[in-house]
């Protein structure tokens, strides 16, 4: 299984470590969406940003102050 990289801007090291653990086993968008629905409260897609006809960024909340951005192709 491939490793999902976590790049952080302005997040503290504990938050980055939590994000790394959370996304480590989420190689597909289907996995990401299932993970989000399983959170308490659910972490639903907040926004989908179209980059071009093939690439989209899927933004999901991560805690009260952060978001995860998943680059999909």
C-alpha atoms as a PDB file:
ATOM      1  CA  UNK A   1       0.000   0.000   0.000  1.00  0.00           C
ATOM      2  CA  UNK A   2       1.278   3.440  -0.821  1.00  0.00           C
ATOM      3  CA  UNK A   3       1.837   6.102   1.814  1.00  0.00           C
ATOM      4  CA  UNK A   4      -0.346   9.213   1.646  1.00  0.00           C
ATOM      5  CA  UNK A   5       1.906  12.263   2.112  1.00  0.00           C
ATOM      6  CA  UNK A   6       0.892  14.996   4.551  1.00  0.00           C
ATOM      7  CA  UNK A   7       2.133  18.507   3.825  1.00  0.00           C
ATOM      8  CA  UNK A   8       1.285  21.024   6.532  1.00  0.00           C
ATOM      9  CA  UNK A   9       1.156  24.793   6.519  1.00  0.00           C
ATOM     10  CA  UNK A  10       0.846  26.479   9.890  1.00  0.00           C
ATOM     11  CA  UNK A  11      -0.251  23.407  11.852  1.00  0.00           C
ATOM     12  CA  UNK A  12       1.389  22.365  15.099  1.00  0.00           C
ATOM     13  CA  UNK A  13       3.362  19.089  15.169  1.00  0.00           C
ATOM     14  CA  UNK A  14       0.647  17.219  17.128  1.00  0.00           C
ATOM     15  CA  UNK A  15      -1.994  18.110  14.541  1.00  0.00           C
ATOM     16  CA  UNK A  16       0.317  17.044  11.713  1.00  0.00           C
ATOM     17  CA  UNK A  17       0.967  13.707  13.445  1.00  0.00           C
ATOM     18  CA  UNK A  18      -2.788  13.145  13.924  1.00  0.00           C
ATOM     19  CA  UNK A  19      -3.376  13.933  10.249  1.00  0.00           C
ATOM     20  CA  UNK A  20      -0.624  11.530   9.193  1.00  0.00           C
ATOM     21  CA  UNK A  21      -2.179   8.738  11.259  1.00  0.00           C
ATOM     22  CA  UNK A  22      -5.679   9.528   9.980  1.00  0.00           C
ATOM     23  CA  UNK A  23      -4.844   9.441   6.274  1.00  0.00           C
ATOM     24  CA  UNK A  24      -2.171   6.734   6.270  1.00  0.00           C
ATOM     25  CA  UNK A  25      -4.644   4.047   5.147  1.00  0.00           C
ATOM     26  CA  UNK A  26      -6.795   6.183   2.814  1.00  0.00           C
ATOM     27  CA  UNK A  27      -5.423   5.582  -0.695  1.00  0.00           C
ATOM     28  CA  UNK A  28      -8.665   6.312  -2.579  1.00  0.00           C
ATOM     29  CA  UNK A  29     -11.347   8.983  -2.499  1.00  0.00           C
ATOM     30  CA  UNK A  30     -13.881   6.296  -1.553  1.00  0.00           C
ATOM     31  CA  UNK A  31     -11.742   5.487   1.502  1.00  0.00           C
ATOM     32  CA  UNK A  32     -11.537   9.186   2.401  1.00  0.00           C
ATOM     33  CA  UNK A  33     -15.318   9.615   2.204  1.00  0.00           C
ATOM     34  CA  UNK A  34     -15.957   6.474   4.291  1.00  0.00           C
ATOM     35  CA  UNK A  35     -13.443   7.670   6.887  1.00  0.00           C
ATOM     36  CA  UNK A  36     -15.138  11.072   7.034  1.00  0.00           C
ATOM     37  CA  UNK A  37     -18.581   9.555   7.572  1.00  0.00           C
ATOM     38  CA  UNK A  38     -17.190   7.389  10.395  1.00  0.00           C
ATOM     39  CA  UNK A  39     -15.869  10.393  12.369  1.00  0.00           C
ATOM     40  CA  UNK A  40     -17.793  11.772  15.335  1.00  0.00           C
ATOM     41  CA  UNK A  41     -19.149  14.209  14.294  1.00  0.00           C
ATOM     42  CA  UNK A  42     -18.916  13.211  10.637  1.00  0.00           C
ATOM     43  CA  UNK A  43     -16.266  15.041   8.587  1.00  0.00           C
ATOM     44  CA  UNK A  44     -18.170  15.719   5.393  1.00  0.00           C
ATOM     45  CA  UNK A  45     -16.801  17.299   2.234  1.00  0.00           C
ATOM     46  CA  UNK A  46     -16.750  21.065   2.767  1.00  0.00           C
ATOM     47  CA  UNK A  47     -15.700  22.043  -0.745  1.00  0.00           C
ATOM     48  CA  UNK A  48     -14.524  20.600  -4.049  1.00  0.00           C
ATOM     49  CA  UNK A  49     -12.143  22.912  -5.892  1.00  0.00           C
ATOM     50  CA  UNK A  50     -11.730  22.221  -9.600  1.00  0.00           C
ATOM     51  CA  UNK A  51      -8.132  22.655 -10.734  1.00  0.00           C
ATOM     52  CA  UNK A  52      -8.662  21.514 -14.331  1.00  0.00           C
ATOM     53  CA  UNK A  53     -10.827  18.979 -16.159  1.00  0.00           C
ATOM     54  CA  UNK A  54      -9.021  16.067 -14.459  1.00  0.00           C
ATOM     55  CA  UNK A  55      -7.847  17.326 -11.076  1.00  0.00           C
ATOM     56  CA  UNK A  56      -9.935  18.375  -8.069  1.00  0.00           C
ATOM     57  CA  UNK A  57      -9.085  19.193  -4.455  1.00  0.00           C
ATOM     58  CA  UNK A  58     -11.506  17.757  -1.904  1.00  0.00           C
ATOM     59  CA  UNK A  59     -11.546  19.745   1.358  1.00  0.00           C
ATOM     60  CA  UNK A  60     -12.712  18.168   4.596  1.00  0.00           C
ATOM     61  CA  UNK A  61     -12.646  19.569   8.135  1.00  0.00           C
ATOM     62  CA  UNK A  62     -10.073  18.137  10.527  1.00  0.00           C
ATOM     63  CA  UNK A  63     -10.827  19.242  14.041  1.00  0.00           C
ATOM     64  CA  UNK A  64     -12.140  22.694  14.835  1.00  0.00           C
ATOM     65  CA  UNK A  65      -9.419  24.761  13.127  1.00  0.00           C
ATOM     66  CA  UNK A  66      -7.949  22.732  10.276  1.00  0.00           C
ATOM     67  CA  UNK A  67      -8.885  21.216   6.938  1.00  0.00           C
ATOM     68  CA  UNK A  68      -7.463  18.338   4.957  1.00  0.00           C
ATOM     69  CA  UNK A  69      -7.118  18.823   1.230  1.00  0.00           C
ATOM     70  CA  UNK A  70      -7.104  15.668  -0.858  1.00  0.00           C
ATOM     71  CA  UNK A  71      -5.768  16.083  -4.397  1.00  0.00           C
ATOM     72  CA  UNK A  72      -7.732  13.775  -6.737  1.00  0.00           C
ATOM     73  CA  UNK A  73      -7.147  12.985 -10.360  1.00  0.00           C
END
